[in-house]
Amino acid sequence: MRKTVSTSAKGKGSKKNALPPPPPPVIRRVDTVEELELEVLTYAGAAMVVVVSPLTPSTTDTMITALEQLNSNRPPLLADMHLVVVYALESTKDVCQALDVSSLPLVRSYVYGDVVHEFTGDSKEKMLLLATLTATAASQKAALLAEKEKQLRAEADAAAAAAAAAAAAQAVAEV
């Protein structure tokens, strides 16, 4: 759990207990289909994949710079989002085929492994908007899954209580 600095008058000036900000999460480079599955397709949360080509260095630089800025200035909503880059190379052909890449640069976002948004082009603004929309969708899905889990636990608890009551009633009947 992270400590926070109080902004009240009482806590002003006291930064003894303040922790430095955490380092930004990393941008993950994916080179294999297995890494894609691990970092994106089976990830329980939001992920953004950016596919770029070293053959277009200015576009690649623009996209990587935008991704680095997004990574280092993440708002709390994007804290758990996996940011992934794929370089379209001969060695990553299988990854590009798995992503069904048809044009570059490609930005695609996922929520719990499902594609939710994508665009082609080098718009930093679209990338930020896409990241925000995706993270919001992931948090909504997480809340929905938590509610379903809560309902399943309540149903299991009710079934266990009913079974215990039936067993107790049978024990009383046998006496």
N, C-alpha and C. Protein backbone atom coordinates (compact mmCIF):
# COMPACT_ATOMS: atom_id res chain seq x y z
N MET A 1 0.85 -1.17 0.00
CA MET A 1 0.00 0.00 0.00
C MET A 1 0.90 1.23 0.00
N ARG A 2 0.60 2.20 -0.84
CA ARG A 2 1.41 3.40 -0.98
C ARG A 2 0.97 4.46 0.01
N LYS A 3 1.92 5.10 0.65
CA LYS A 3 1.61 6.20 1.55
C LYS A 3 1.34 7.45 0.72
N THR A 4 0.47 8.29 1.23
CA THR A 4 0.20 9.55 0.55
C THR A 4 0.57 10.69 1.47
N VAL A 5 0.85 11.82 0.89
CA VAL A 5 1.19 13.01 1.65
C VAL A 5 -0.09 13.79 1.89
N SER A 6 -0.30 14.18 3.14
CA SER A 6 -1.48 14.95 3.49
C SER A 6 -1.35 16.36 2.95
N THR A 7 -2.45 16.88 2.42
CA THR A 7 -2.43 18.26 1.93
C THR A 7 -3.12 19.20 2.90
N SER A 8 -3.48 18.71 4.07
CA SER A 8 -4.11 19.58 5.05
C SER A 8 -3.05 20.49 5.68
N ALA A 9 -3.49 21.52 6.38
CA ALA A 9 -2.57 22.46 7.02
C ALA A 9 -1.70 21.72 8.04
N LYS A 10 -2.27 20.73 8.68
CA LYS A 10 -1.54 19.97 9.70
C LYS A 10 -0.35 19.24 9.08
N GLY A 11 -0.52 18.73 7.89
CA GLY A 11 0.52 17.92 7.27
C GLY A 11 1.45 18.69 6.35
N LYS A 12 1.22 19.99 6.17
CA LYS A 12 2.06 20.76 5.25
C LYS A 12 3.48 20.83 5.75
N GLY A 13 4.39 20.68 4.80
CA GLY A 13 5.79 20.79 5.13
C GLY A 13 6.40 19.50 5.67
N SER A 14 5.60 18.56 6.06
CA SER A 14 6.12 17.30 6.59
C SER A 14 6.18 16.28 5.47
N LYS A 15 7.36 16.16 4.91
CA LYS A 15 7.53 15.21 3.81
C LYS A 15 8.43 14.05 4.24
N LYS A 16 8.63 13.90 5.55
CA LYS A 16 9.48 12.83 6.05
C LYS A 16 8.97 11.46 5.61
N ASN A 17 7.66 11.25 5.69
CA ASN A 17 7.07 9.96 5.38
C ASN A 17 6.66 9.81 3.93
N ALA A 18 6.90 10.83 3.13
CA ALA A 18 6.49 10.78 1.72
C ALA A 18 7.41 9.84 0.95
N LEU A 19 6.80 9.02 0.13
CA LEU A 19 7.56 8.12 -0.73
C LEU A 19 7.75 8.76 -2.09
N PRO A 20 8.86 8.47 -2.74
CA PRO A 20 9.02 9.00 -4.10
C PRO A 20 8.00 8.34 -5.01
N PRO A 21 7.65 9.01 -6.10
CA PRO A 21 6.67 8.39 -7.00
C PRO A 21 7.24 7.09 -7.57
N PRO A 22 6.37 6.12 -7.79
CA PRO A 22 6.87 4.85 -8.33
C PRO A 22 7.38 5.05 -9.75
N PRO A 23 8.31 4.20 -10.18
CA PRO A 23 8.77 4.32 -11.56
C PRO A 23 7.63 3.93 -12.50
N PRO A 24 7.63 4.48 -13.70
CA PRO A 24 6.56 4.11 -14.62
C PRO A 24 6.68 2.64 -14.99
N PRO A 25 5.54 1.99 -15.22
CA PRO A 25 5.60 0.61 -15.70
C PRO A 25 6.38 0.57 -17.02
N VAL A 26 6.78 -0.57 -17.41
CA VAL A 26 7.60 -0.67 -18.61
C VAL A 26 6.75 -0.86 -19.86
N ILE A 27 7.35 -0.51 -20.97
CA ILE A 27 6.76 -0.84 -22.26
C ILE A 27 7.32 -2.20 -22.62
N ARG A 28 6.45 -3.13 -22.89
CA ARG A 28 6.88 -4.49 -23.17
C ARG A 28 7.07 -4.67 -24.68
N ARG A 29 8.18 -5.24 -25.05
CA ARG A 29 8.42 -5.57 -26.46
C ARG A 29 8.03 -7.03 -26.66
N VAL A 30 7.21 -7.26 -27.67
CA VAL A 30 6.75 -8.62 -27.96
C VAL A 30 7.38 -9.08 -29.27
N ASP A 31 8.04 -10.24 -29.20
CA ASP A 31 8.70 -10.81 -30.37
C ASP A 31 8.15 -12.16 -30.78
N THR A 32 7.33 -12.78 -29.92
CA THR A 32 6.79 -14.12 -30.22
C THR A 32 5.29 -14.15 -29.93
N VAL A 33 4.63 -15.11 -30.53
CA VAL A 33 3.20 -15.28 -30.29
C VAL A 33 2.96 -15.63 -28.82
N GLU A 34 3.86 -16.40 -28.22
CA GLU A 34 3.72 -16.75 -26.81
C GLU A 34 3.76 -15.51 -25.93
N GLU A 35 4.67 -14.58 -26.24
CA GLU A 35 4.73 -13.33 -25.48
C GLU A 35 3.46 -12.51 -25.70
N LEU A 36 2.95 -12.50 -26.92
CA LEU A 36 1.69 -11.80 -27.20
C LEU A 36 0.56 -12.37 -26.36
N GLU A 37 0.48 -13.68 -26.30
CA GLU A 37 -0.57 -14.32 -25.49
C GLU A 37 -0.43 -13.93 -24.03
N LEU A 38 0.79 -13.98 -23.50
CA LEU A 38 1.04 -13.67 -22.10
C LEU A 38 0.74 -12.21 -21.77
N GLU A 39 1.24 -11.30 -22.57
CA GLU A 39 1.15 -9.87 -22.27
C GLU A 39 -0.18 -9.23 -22.67
N VAL A 40 -0.89 -9.84 -23.63
CA VAL A 40 -2.08 -9.19 -24.17
C VAL A 40 -3.31 -10.10 -24.15
N LEU A 41 -3.21 -11.22 -24.84
CA LEU A 41 -4.40 -12.03 -25.09
C LEU A 41 -4.96 -12.73 -23.86
N THR A 42 -4.13 -13.03 -22.88
CA THR A 42 -4.62 -13.66 -21.66
C THR A 42 -4.52 -12.73 -20.45
N TYR A 43 -4.16 -11.50 -20.67
CA TYR A 43 -4.02 -10.54 -19.58
C TYR A 43 -5.39 -10.12 -19.06
N ALA A 44 -5.58 -10.19 -17.76
CA ALA A 44 -6.86 -9.81 -17.14
C ALA A 44 -6.82 -8.31 -16.85
N GLY A 45 -7.06 -7.54 -17.89
CA GLY A 45 -7.04 -6.09 -17.76
C GLY A 45 -6.93 -5.46 -19.13
N ALA A 46 -6.44 -4.22 -19.16
CA ALA A 46 -6.33 -3.47 -20.40
C ALA A 46 -4.92 -3.59 -20.97
N ALA A 47 -4.84 -3.67 -22.29
CA ALA A 47 -3.55 -3.71 -22.97
C ALA A 47 -3.66 -2.92 -24.26
N MET A 48 -2.55 -2.29 -24.64
CA MET A 48 -2.48 -1.58 -25.90
C MET A 48 -1.27 -2.08 -26.66
N VAL A 49 -1.49 -2.45 -27.91
CA VAL A 49 -0.42 -2.95 -28.77
C VAL A 49 -0.18 -1.91 -29.86
N VAL A 50 1.08 -1.55 -30.04
CA VAL A 50 1.48 -0.64 -31.12
C VAL A 50 2.43 -1.42 -32.01
N VAL A 51 2.05 -1.54 -33.29
CA VAL A 51 2.90 -2.24 -34.26
C VAL A 51 3.49 -1.19 -35.19
N VAL A 52 4.83 -1.17 -35.25
CA VAL A 52 5.53 -0.19 -36.08
C VAL A 52 6.55 -0.91 -36.94
N SER A 53 7.02 -0.19 -37.96
CA SER A 53 8.02 -0.75 -38.87
C SER A 53 9.29 0.08 -38.84
N PRO A 54 10.43 -0.57 -38.64
CA PRO A 54 11.69 0.16 -38.71
C PRO A 54 11.97 0.73 -40.11
N LEU A 55 11.21 0.29 -41.11
CA LEU A 55 11.39 0.81 -42.46
C LEU A 55 10.84 2.22 -42.62
N THR A 56 10.04 2.66 -41.66
CA THR A 56 9.53 4.04 -41.66
C THR A 56 9.98 4.70 -40.35
N PRO A 57 11.26 5.09 -40.28
CA PRO A 57 11.82 5.57 -39.01
C PRO A 57 11.13 6.79 -38.41
N SER A 58 10.68 7.73 -39.21
CA SER A 58 10.05 8.92 -38.63
C SER A 58 8.73 8.56 -37.95
N THR A 59 7.94 7.71 -38.60
CA THR A 59 6.67 7.27 -38.01
C THR A 59 6.93 6.42 -36.78
N THR A 60 7.89 5.52 -36.87
CA THR A 60 8.23 4.67 -35.73
C THR A 60 8.69 5.53 -34.56
N ASP A 61 9.54 6.51 -34.81
CA ASP A 61 10.01 7.40 -33.74
C ASP A 61 8.84 8.15 -33.11
N THR A 62 7.92 8.64 -33.94
CA THR A 62 6.75 9.36 -33.43
C THR A 62 5.93 8.46 -32.51
N MET A 63 5.67 7.24 -32.95
CA MET A 63 4.83 6.32 -32.17
C MET A 63 5.53 5.87 -30.89
N ILE A 64 6.80 5.56 -30.97
CA ILE A 64 7.53 5.12 -29.78
C ILE A 64 7.65 6.26 -28.78
N THR A 65 7.90 7.47 -29.26
CA THR A 65 7.95 8.63 -28.37
C THR A 65 6.60 8.84 -27.69
N ALA A 66 5.53 8.73 -28.45
CA ALA A 66 4.19 8.87 -27.87
C ALA A 66 3.93 7.79 -26.83
N LEU A 67 4.34 6.58 -27.13
CA LEU A 67 4.15 5.47 -26.19
C LEU A 67 4.97 5.70 -24.92
N GLU A 68 6.19 6.18 -25.07
CA GLU A 68 7.03 6.48 -23.91
C GLU A 68 6.43 7.60 -23.07
N GLN A 69 5.88 8.63 -23.73
CA GLN A 69 5.24 9.72 -22.99
C GLN A 69 4.00 9.22 -22.25
N LEU A 70 3.22 8.40 -22.92
CA LEU A 70 2.04 7.82 -22.27
C LEU A 70 2.47 6.99 -21.07
N ASN A 71 3.52 6.22 -21.23
CA ASN A 71 4.02 5.36 -20.16
C ASN A 71 4.52 6.17 -18.97
N SER A 72 5.29 7.22 -19.23
CA SER A 72 5.89 7.97 -18.12
C SER A 72 4.92 8.95 -17.46
N ASN A 73 3.84 9.29 -18.12
CA ASN A 73 2.86 10.24 -17.56
C ASN A 73 1.49 9.60 -17.36
N ARG A 74 1.48 8.34 -16.99
CA ARG A 74 0.21 7.62 -16.85
C ARG A 74 -0.63 8.19 -15.72
N PRO A 75 -1.90 8.47 -16.02
CA PRO A 75 -2.80 8.79 -14.92
C PRO A 75 -3.13 7.48 -14.19
N PRO A 76 -3.66 7.56 -12.97
CA PRO A 76 -3.95 6.34 -12.20
C PRO A 76 -4.83 5.34 -12.96
N LEU A 77 -5.72 5.81 -13.79
CA LEU A 77 -6.59 4.92 -14.55
C LEU A 77 -5.79 3.97 -15.44
N LEU A 78 -4.64 4.42 -15.92
CA LEU A 78 -3.83 3.61 -16.84
C LEU A 78 -2.70 2.86 -16.15
N ALA A 79 -2.66 2.88 -14.83
CA ALA A 79 -1.54 2.31 -14.09
C ALA A 79 -1.28 0.84 -14.39
N ASP A 80 -2.33 0.06 -14.57
CA ASP A 80 -2.16 -1.38 -14.78
C ASP A 80 -2.22 -1.80 -16.24
N MET A 81 -2.34 -0.84 -17.13
CA MET A 81 -2.44 -1.18 -18.55
C MET A 81 -1.09 -1.68 -19.08
N HIS A 82 -1.13 -2.78 -19.81
CA HIS A 82 0.07 -3.27 -20.48
C HIS A 82 0.25 -2.49 -21.78
N LEU A 83 1.40 -1.86 -21.92
CA LEU A 83 1.75 -1.17 -23.16
C LEU A 83 2.76 -2.05 -23.88
N VAL A 84 2.43 -2.42 -25.11
CA VAL A 84 3.22 -3.40 -25.85
C VAL A 84 3.60 -2.82 -27.20
N VAL A 85 4.85 -3.06 -27.60
CA VAL A 85 5.29 -2.65 -28.93
C VAL A 85 5.76 -3.89 -29.69
N VAL A 86 5.38 -3.93 -30.96
CA VAL A 86 5.82 -4.99 -31.87
C VAL A 86 6.48 -4.30 -33.06
N TYR A 87 7.71 -4.70 -33.34
CA TYR A 87 8.38 -4.19 -34.53
C TYR A 87 8.11 -5.17 -35.66
N ALA A 88 7.53 -4.67 -36.75
CA ALA A 88 7.21 -5.53 -37.89
C ALA A 88 8.50 -5.89 -38.62
N LEU A 89 9.00 -7.06 -38.29
CA LEU A 89 10.24 -7.57 -38.87
C LEU A 89 10.00 -8.99 -39.36
N GLU A 90 10.94 -9.51 -40.09
CA GLU A 90 10.84 -10.91 -40.53
C GLU A 90 10.75 -11.83 -39.30
N SER A 91 11.49 -11.50 -38.25
CA SER A 91 11.50 -12.34 -37.05
C SER A 91 10.19 -12.29 -36.26
N THR A 92 9.36 -11.26 -36.50
CA THR A 92 8.08 -11.15 -35.80
C THR A 92 6.90 -11.39 -36.74
N LYS A 93 7.17 -12.02 -37.86
CA LYS A 93 6.12 -12.27 -38.85
C LYS A 93 4.93 -13.02 -38.24
N ASP A 94 5.20 -14.01 -37.40
CA ASP A 94 4.12 -14.79 -36.78
C ASP A 94 3.26 -13.92 -35.87
N VAL A 95 3.88 -13.00 -35.16
CA VAL A 95 3.13 -12.09 -34.29
C VAL A 95 2.24 -11.18 -35.13
N CYS A 96 2.80 -10.63 -36.20
CA CYS A 96 2.03 -9.75 -37.08
C CYS A 96 0.87 -10.49 -37.73
N GLN A 97 1.10 -11.76 -38.08
CA GLN A 97 0.02 -12.57 -38.64
C GLN A 97 -1.05 -12.84 -37.58
N ALA A 98 -0.63 -13.14 -36.36
CA ALA A 98 -1.59 -13.37 -35.27
C ALA A 98 -2.43 -12.13 -35.01
N LEU A 99 -1.82 -10.96 -35.19
CA LEU A 99 -2.54 -9.69 -35.00
C LEU A 99 -3.31 -9.28 -36.25
N ASP A 100 -3.11 -10.00 -37.34
CA ASP A 100 -3.76 -9.69 -38.61
C ASP A 100 -3.45 -8.25 -39.04
N VAL A 101 -2.18 -7.90 -38.99
CA VAL A 101 -1.73 -6.56 -39.36
C VAL A 101 -1.82 -6.39 -40.87
N SER A 102 -2.51 -5.33 -41.29
CA SER A 102 -2.61 -5.07 -42.72
C SER A 102 -2.01 -3.72 -43.11
N SER A 103 -1.86 -2.82 -42.14
CA SER A 103 -1.21 -1.53 -42.41
C SER A 103 -0.54 -1.05 -41.13
N LEU A 104 0.44 -0.17 -41.32
CA LEU A 104 1.24 0.32 -40.19
C LEU A 104 1.27 1.83 -40.18
N PRO A 105 1.47 2.44 -39.05
CA PRO A 105 1.47 1.84 -37.72
C PRO A 105 0.05 1.45 -37.31
N LEU A 106 -0.02 0.41 -36.50
CA LEU A 106 -1.30 -0.09 -35.99
C LEU A 106 -1.32 0.09 -34.48
N VAL A 107 -2.42 0.63 -33.97
CA VAL A 107 -2.63 0.73 -32.53
C VAL A 107 -3.93 -0.01 -32.24
N ARG A 108 -3.82 -1.01 -31.38
CA ARG A 108 -5.00 -1.82 -31.06
C ARG A 108 -5.06 -2.00 -29.55
N SER A 109 -6.26 -1.86 -29.00
CA SER A 109 -6.40 -2.03 -27.56
C SER A 109 -7.29 -3.23 -27.24
N TYR A 110 -7.00 -3.82 -26.10
CA TYR A 110 -7.68 -5.05 -25.65
C TYR A 110 -8.17 -4.87 -24.23
N VAL A 111 -9.28 -5.51 -23.94
CA VAL A 111 -9.79 -5.62 -22.58
C VAL A 111 -10.01 -7.09 -22.32
N TYR A 112 -9.29 -7.62 -21.37
CA TYR A 112 -9.36 -9.04 -21.03
C TYR A 112 -9.21 -9.92 -22.27
N GLY A 113 -8.28 -9.54 -23.14
CA GLY A 113 -7.95 -10.33 -24.32
C GLY A 113 -8.81 -10.09 -25.54
N ASP A 114 -9.85 -9.29 -25.40
CA ASP A 114 -10.74 -9.00 -26.53
C ASP A 114 -10.41 -7.62 -27.12
N VAL A 115 -10.38 -7.54 -28.45
CA VAL A 115 -10.13 -6.27 -29.12
C VAL A 115 -11.32 -5.34 -28.87
N VAL A 116 -11.03 -4.12 -28.44
CA VAL A 116 -12.10 -3.15 -28.22
C VAL A 116 -11.99 -1.92 -29.11
N HIS A 117 -10.77 -1.55 -29.48
CA HIS A 117 -10.57 -0.39 -30.34
C HIS A 117 -9.31 -0.60 -31.16
N GLU A 118 -9.26 0.06 -32.32
CA GLU A 118 -8.02 0.08 -33.08
C GLU A 118 -8.05 1.21 -34.09
N PHE A 119 -6.86 1.63 -34.49
CA PHE A 119 -6.73 2.60 -35.58
C PHE A 119 -5.35 2.43 -36.19
N THR A 120 -5.22 2.91 -37.40
CA THR A 120 -3.91 2.96 -38.05
C THR A 120 -3.56 4.42 -38.24
N GLY A 121 -2.30 4.71 -38.08
CA GLY A 121 -1.85 6.09 -38.20
C GLY A 121 -0.98 6.45 -37.02
N ASP A 122 -0.46 7.68 -37.04
CA ASP A 122 0.48 8.08 -36.00
C ASP A 122 -0.04 9.21 -35.12
N SER A 123 -1.31 9.15 -34.76
CA SER A 123 -1.91 10.19 -33.93
C SER A 123 -1.68 9.91 -32.45
N LYS A 124 -0.90 10.78 -31.81
CA LYS A 124 -0.65 10.66 -30.37
C LYS A 124 -1.95 10.89 -29.59
N GLU A 125 -2.77 11.82 -30.07
CA GLU A 125 -4.01 12.14 -29.38
C GLU A 125 -4.96 10.95 -29.39
N LYS A 126 -5.07 10.28 -30.54
CA LYS A 126 -5.92 9.09 -30.63
C LYS A 126 -5.40 8.00 -29.70
N MET A 127 -4.07 7.87 -29.62
CA MET A 127 -3.49 6.85 -28.76
C MET A 127 -3.88 7.08 -27.30
N LEU A 128 -3.78 8.32 -26.84
CA LEU A 128 -4.15 8.64 -25.47
C LEU A 128 -5.64 8.41 -25.24
N LEU A 129 -6.46 8.85 -26.18
CA LEU A 129 -7.90 8.64 -26.05
C LEU A 129 -8.22 7.14 -26.01
N LEU A 130 -7.60 6.39 -26.89
CA LEU A 130 -7.81 4.94 -26.94
C LEU A 130 -7.40 4.29 -25.63
N ALA A 131 -6.27 4.71 -25.08
CA ALA A 131 -5.80 4.15 -23.81
C ALA A 131 -6.80 4.44 -22.70
N THR A 132 -7.32 5.65 -22.66
CA THR A 132 -8.28 6.03 -21.63
C THR A 132 -9.58 5.24 -21.78
N LEU A 133 -10.10 5.15 -23.00
CA LEU A 133 -11.33 4.39 -23.23
C LEU A 133 -11.15 2.93 -22.87
N THR A 134 -10.01 2.38 -23.22
CA THR A 134 -9.74 0.97 -22.95
C THR A 134 -9.61 0.71 -21.46
N ALA A 135 -8.88 1.56 -20.76
CA ALA A 135 -8.72 1.38 -19.32
C ALA A 135 -10.07 1.52 -18.61
N THR A 136 -10.91 2.43 -19.08
CA THR A 136 -12.24 2.58 -18.49
C THR A 136 -13.06 1.32 -18.71
N ALA A 137 -13.02 0.78 -19.92
CA ALA A 137 -13.74 -0.46 -20.22
C ALA A 137 -13.23 -1.61 -19.37
N ALA A 138 -11.92 -1.67 -19.16
CA ALA A 138 -11.34 -2.75 -18.34
C ALA A 138 -11.78 -2.62 -16.89
N SER A 139 -11.83 -1.41 -16.36
CA SER A 139 -12.25 -1.25 -14.97
C SER A 139 -13.73 -1.58 -14.82
N GLN A 140 -14.54 -1.26 -15.83
CA GLN A 140 -15.95 -1.64 -15.79
C GLN A 140 -16.11 -3.15 -15.85
N LYS A 141 -15.31 -3.80 -16.69
CA LYS A 141 -15.39 -5.26 -16.78
C LYS A 141 -14.91 -5.89 -15.47
N ALA A 142 -13.87 -5.35 -14.87
CA ALA A 142 -13.38 -5.86 -13.60
C ALA A 142 -14.46 -5.76 -12.52
N ALA A 143 -15.17 -4.63 -12.50
CA ALA A 143 -16.25 -4.46 -11.52
C ALA A 143 -17.38 -5.46 -11.78
N LEU A 144 -17.71 -5.67 -13.04
CA LEU A 144 -18.74 -6.64 -13.40
C LEU A 144 -18.33 -8.05 -12.99
N LEU A 145 -17.07 -8.41 -13.27
CA LEU A 145 -16.58 -9.74 -12.89
C LEU A 145 -16.56 -9.91 -11.37
N ALA A 146 -16.19 -8.86 -10.65
CA ALA A 146 -16.19 -8.92 -9.19
C ALA A 146 -17.60 -9.11 -8.66
N GLU A 147 -18.57 -8.43 -9.26
CA GLU A 147 -19.97 -8.58 -8.84
C GLU A 147 -20.46 -10.00 -9.13
N LYS A 148 -20.11 -10.54 -10.28
CA LYS A 148 -20.50 -11.92 -10.60
C LYS A 148 -19.88 -12.90 -9.62
N GLU A 149 -18.61 -12.68 -9.28
CA GLU A 149 -17.92 -13.53 -8.31
C GLU A 149 -18.61 -13.46 -6.95
N LYS A 150 -19.01 -12.26 -6.57
CA LYS A 150 -19.71 -12.06 -5.30
C LYS A 150 -21.04 -12.82 -5.30
N GLN A 151 -21.77 -12.75 -6.42
CA GLN A 151 -23.04 -13.47 -6.54
C GLN A 151 -22.83 -14.98 -6.48
N LEU A 152 -21.79 -15.48 -7.16
CA LEU A 152 -21.50 -16.91 -7.14
C LEU A 152 -21.14 -17.37 -5.72
N ARG A 153 -20.36 -16.57 -5.00
CA ARG A 153 -20.02 -16.91 -3.62
C ARG A 153 -21.25 -16.92 -2.74
N ALA A 154 -22.15 -15.94 -2.93
CA ALA A 154 -23.38 -15.87 -2.14
C ALA A 154 -24.25 -17.09 -2.43
N GLU A 155 -24.34 -17.48 -3.71
CA GLU A 155 -25.12 -18.67 -4.06
C GLU A 155 -24.50 -19.92 -3.46
N ALA A 156 -23.17 -20.02 -3.50
CA ALA A 156 -22.49 -21.18 -2.92
C ALA A 156 -22.69 -21.22 -1.41
N ASP A 157 -22.61 -20.06 -0.76
CA ASP A 157 -22.82 -19.99 0.69
C ASP A 157 -24.26 -20.39 1.04
N ALA A 158 -25.21 -19.92 0.23
CA ALA A 158 -26.62 -20.26 0.47
C ALA A 158 -26.85 -21.75 0.28
N ALA A 159 -26.23 -22.34 -0.74
CA ALA A 159 -26.37 -23.79 -0.97
C ALA A 159 -25.74 -24.57 0.17
N ALA A 160 -24.59 -24.13 0.66
CA ALA A 160 -23.93 -24.80 1.78
C ALA A 160 -24.77 -24.69 3.04
N ALA A 161 -25.37 -23.51 3.27
CA ALA A 161 -26.23 -23.33 4.44
C ALA A 161 -27.47 -24.20 4.34
N ALA A 162 -28.04 -24.29 3.14
CA ALA A 162 -29.22 -25.14 2.95
C ALA A 162 -28.87 -26.60 3.18
N ALA A 163 -27.70 -27.03 2.70
CA ALA A 163 -27.27 -28.41 2.90
C ALA A 163 -27.02 -28.68 4.37
N ALA A 164 -26.44 -27.73 5.08
CA ALA A 164 -26.20 -27.90 6.52
C ALA A 164 -27.51 -27.96 7.28
N ALA A 165 -28.47 -27.12 6.89
CA ALA A 165 -29.77 -27.13 7.54
C ALA A 165 -30.49 -28.45 7.28
N ALA A 166 -30.39 -28.95 6.06
CA ALA A 166 -31.02 -30.23 5.73
C ALA A 166 -30.37 -31.36 6.52
N ALA A 167 -29.05 -31.31 6.64
CA ALA A 167 -28.34 -32.34 7.41
C ALA A 167 -28.72 -32.26 8.89
N ALA A 168 -28.84 -31.05 9.40
CA ALA A 168 -29.23 -30.88 10.80
C ALA A 168 -30.66 -31.36 11.01
N ALA A 169 -31.54 -31.06 10.07
CA ALA A 169 -32.93 -31.50 10.19
C ALA A 169 -33.03 -33.02 10.14
N GLN A 170 -32.22 -33.64 9.29
CA GLN A 170 -32.21 -35.10 9.19
C GLN A 170 -31.66 -35.71 10.48
N ALA A 171 -30.63 -35.09 11.06
CA ALA A 171 -30.05 -35.59 12.31
C ALA A 171 -31.07 -35.50 13.44
N VAL A 172 -31.83 -34.41 13.47
CA VAL A 172 -32.87 -34.24 14.50
C VAL A 172 -33.96 -35.28 14.29
N ALA A 173 -34.31 -35.54 13.05
CA ALA A 173 -35.37 -36.49 12.74
C ALA A 173 -34.97 -37.91 13.13
N GLU A 174 -33.68 -38.20 13.04
CA GLU A 174 -33.19 -39.54 13.36
C GLU A 174 -33.13 -39.76 14.85
N VAL A 175 -33.11 -38.70 15.64
CA VAL A 175 -33.01 -38.84 17.10
C VAL A 175 -34.32 -39.11 17.69
